[in-house]
Amino acid sequence: MFSFSFVSFTQTEDSEETPVVVPEQAMEQLVRRVLIWSFKTRNKPTVIYLAEQGIKQSWLPAIKNIEFRLLTIEEIQQKDLKVHFFTKPDLSGNTYNIGFAFGDPTCEYLGENWHFRISKQKVKLWQNGGVGGGCGGSPRNLSRNLTIQWT
């Protein structure tokens, strides 16, 4: 029998939380590994749109028939696109947490939750549940971040 629990983290515009900074080398490893895990070789050329927040073009892996295209938040909003993106990381003890999601980075999205630790210039990475968010409208979309933990 499976059971699951929902843990919701709300964010307010007035929050003065200190942003978590992930070392650039670790973030590069994380981005490459998550993208390689998420996107496999395609038979036909495919463009994957990514929000550029927190990532660099040079970090993107080469995958046959996939072109990763980075877009600014302004470009995403102007074109009304749903894109893949990394959420802002957080830190608990020595374990970082970051989401990789698809949707509108400023509103509704759904994706995977990843935990990682940095050890001797290497990233130990594992998937842990899902991440999602929503904005306004219905009670199920009231939180900015939603982490689903399978227990």
Protein backbone atom coordinates (compact mmCIF):
# COMPACT_ATOMS: atom_id res chain seq x y z
CA MET A 1 0.00 0.00 0.00
CA PHE A 2 1.29 3.44 -0.92
CA SER A 3 0.65 6.56 1.05
CA PHE A 4 1.85 10.05 0.45
CA SER A 5 1.94 13.31 2.27
CA PHE A 6 1.99 16.84 0.98
CA VAL A 7 4.31 19.38 2.49
CA SER A 8 3.65 22.94 1.44
CA PHE A 9 6.08 25.81 1.63
CA THR A 10 4.56 29.20 1.04
CA GLN A 11 6.57 32.18 -0.01
CA THR A 12 5.59 35.77 0.43
CA GLU A 13 6.80 38.75 -1.48
CA ASP A 14 7.90 40.37 1.80
CA SER A 15 10.11 37.43 2.77
CA GLU A 16 13.67 38.50 3.52
CA GLU A 17 15.19 35.02 3.33
CA THR A 18 18.85 34.85 2.42
CA PRO A 19 19.19 33.13 -0.97
CA VAL A 20 21.09 29.85 -1.00
CA VAL A 21 24.22 30.02 -3.14
CA VAL A 22 25.37 26.80 -4.82
CA PRO A 23 29.01 26.81 -5.99
CA GLU A 24 29.16 27.25 -9.78
CA GLN A 25 31.01 23.96 -10.42
CA ALA A 26 28.39 22.05 -8.43
CA MET A 27 25.52 23.79 -10.21
CA GLU A 28 27.06 22.98 -13.59
CA GLN A 29 27.29 19.28 -12.66
CA LEU A 30 23.72 19.29 -11.36
CA VAL A 31 22.29 20.97 -14.49
CA ARG A 32 24.11 18.59 -16.85
CA ARG A 33 23.12 15.46 -14.95
CA VAL A 34 19.45 16.40 -14.49
CA LEU A 35 19.09 17.35 -18.17
CA ILE A 36 20.76 14.12 -19.34
CA TRP A 37 18.47 12.12 -17.02
CA SER A 38 15.38 14.03 -18.20
CA PHE A 39 15.98 14.16 -21.97
CA LYS A 40 17.00 11.20 -24.09
CA THR A 41 18.16 11.13 -27.71
CA ARG A 42 15.32 11.90 -30.15
CA ASN A 43 14.68 10.61 -33.66
CA LYS A 44 13.67 14.08 -34.87
CA PRO A 45 15.21 17.46 -34.02
CA THR A 46 13.51 18.94 -30.93
CA VAL A 47 13.84 22.32 -29.25
CA ILE A 48 13.63 22.31 -25.45
CA TYR A 49 12.97 25.72 -23.93
CA LEU A 50 14.68 26.42 -20.61
CA ALA A 51 14.35 29.45 -18.35
CA GLU A 52 17.82 30.93 -18.11
CA GLN A 53 17.50 31.83 -14.42
CA GLY A 54 20.51 30.40 -12.59
CA ILE A 55 22.02 28.45 -15.49
CA LYS A 56 24.50 29.10 -18.27
CA GLN A 57 24.53 27.99 -21.91
CA SER A 58 27.96 26.38 -21.45
CA TRP A 59 26.52 24.01 -18.82
CA LEU A 60 24.00 22.43 -21.19
CA PRO A 61 24.79 18.90 -22.39
CA ALA A 62 24.93 17.78 -26.01
CA ILE A 63 22.14 15.28 -26.65
CA LYS A 64 21.46 13.98 -30.16
CA ASN A 65 18.61 15.87 -31.89
CA ILE A 66 17.95 18.11 -28.89
CA GLU A 67 18.62 21.83 -28.94
CA PHE A 68 18.35 23.55 -25.57
CA ARG A 69 17.28 27.15 -25.94
CA LEU A 70 17.60 29.51 -22.95
CA LEU A 71 14.93 32.18 -22.54
CA THR A 72 14.60 35.11 -20.16
CA ILE A 73 11.50 35.43 -17.99
CA GLU A 74 10.47 38.38 -20.19
CA GLU A 75 10.71 36.25 -23.37
CA ILE A 76 8.72 33.47 -21.70
CA GLN A 77 5.97 35.88 -20.66
CA GLN A 78 5.87 37.70 -24.02
CA LYS A 79 5.52 34.42 -25.93
CA ASP A 80 3.26 32.87 -23.26
CA LEU A 81 5.39 29.69 -23.24
CA LYS A 82 5.63 26.82 -20.83
CA VAL A 83 9.27 25.95 -20.24
CA HIS A 84 11.54 23.70 -18.22
CA PHE A 85 13.36 25.40 -15.36
CA PHE A 86 15.22 24.91 -12.11
CA THR A 87 13.67 26.29 -8.94
CA LYS A 88 15.71 28.29 -6.45
CA PRO A 89 17.76 25.94 -4.28
CA ASP A 90 17.42 25.63 -0.55
CA LEU A 91 19.72 24.08 2.03
CA SER A 92 18.96 21.88 5.04
CA GLY A 93 22.08 20.88 6.97
CA ASN A 94 24.52 19.78 4.28
CA THR A 95 21.83 18.70 1.79
CA TYR A 96 20.66 21.01 -0.96
CA ASN A 97 17.21 20.76 -2.55
CA ILE A 98 16.22 21.98 -6.01
CA GLY A 99 13.31 21.36 -8.33
CA PHE A 100 13.36 20.77 -12.08
CA ALA A 101 9.93 21.58 -13.42
CA PHE A 102 7.86 22.32 -16.52
CA GLY A 103 5.30 25.09 -16.79
CA ASP A 104 5.20 28.79 -15.99
CA PRO A 105 8.09 29.66 -13.63
CA THR A 106 6.04 32.49 -12.12
CA CYS A 107 2.84 30.48 -11.61
CA GLU A 108 1.78 26.91 -12.34
CA TYR A 109 4.40 24.18 -12.74
CA LEU A 110 5.09 20.54 -11.95
CA GLY A 111 8.30 18.52 -11.85
CA GLU A 112 10.86 16.51 -9.93
CA ASN A 113 12.49 17.35 -6.63
CA TRP A 114 16.23 16.68 -6.40
CA HIS A 115 18.48 16.50 -3.34
CA PHE A 116 22.23 16.81 -3.60
CA ARG A 117 25.36 17.08 -1.51
CA ILE A 118 28.72 18.45 -2.49
CA SER A 119 31.68 16.24 -1.61
CA LYS A 120 35.26 16.78 -2.80
CA GLN A 121 34.21 18.81 -5.86
CA LYS A 122 31.63 16.15 -6.84
CA VAL A 123 27.87 16.31 -6.58
CA LYS A 124 26.02 13.37 -5.04
CA LEU A 125 22.55 13.67 -6.55
CA TRP A 126 19.29 11.81 -6.01
CA GLN A 127 15.67 12.34 -6.95
CA ASN A 128 13.23 12.74 -4.08
CA GLY A 129 9.57 13.20 -4.93
CA GLY A 130 8.01 16.00 -6.89
CA VAL A 131 7.73 19.76 -6.88
CA GLY A 132 4.90 21.94 -8.08
CA GLY A 133 3.33 25.33 -7.69
CA GLY A 134 0.32 27.32 -8.61
CA CYS A 135 -1.21 30.74 -8.32
CA GLY A 136 -4.73 31.84 -7.45
CA GLY A 137 -8.00 30.39 -8.59
CA SER A 138 -8.59 27.22 -6.63
CA PRO A 139 -7.64 25.88 -3.19
CA ARG A 140 -5.26 23.30 -4.69
CA ASN A 141 -3.15 26.11 -6.19
CA LEU A 142 -2.63 28.30 -3.14
CA SER A 143 0.98 27.42 -2.40
CA ARG A 144 3.97 28.71 -4.35
CA ASN A 145 5.94 25.47 -3.83
CA LEU A 146 4.54 22.01 -3.16
CA THR A 147 6.77 19.10 -2.34
CA ILE A 148 5.31 15.61 -2.55
CA GLN A 149 7.11 13.05 -0.41
CA TRP A 150 6.28 9.36 -0.91
CA THR A 151 6.30 7.49 2.40
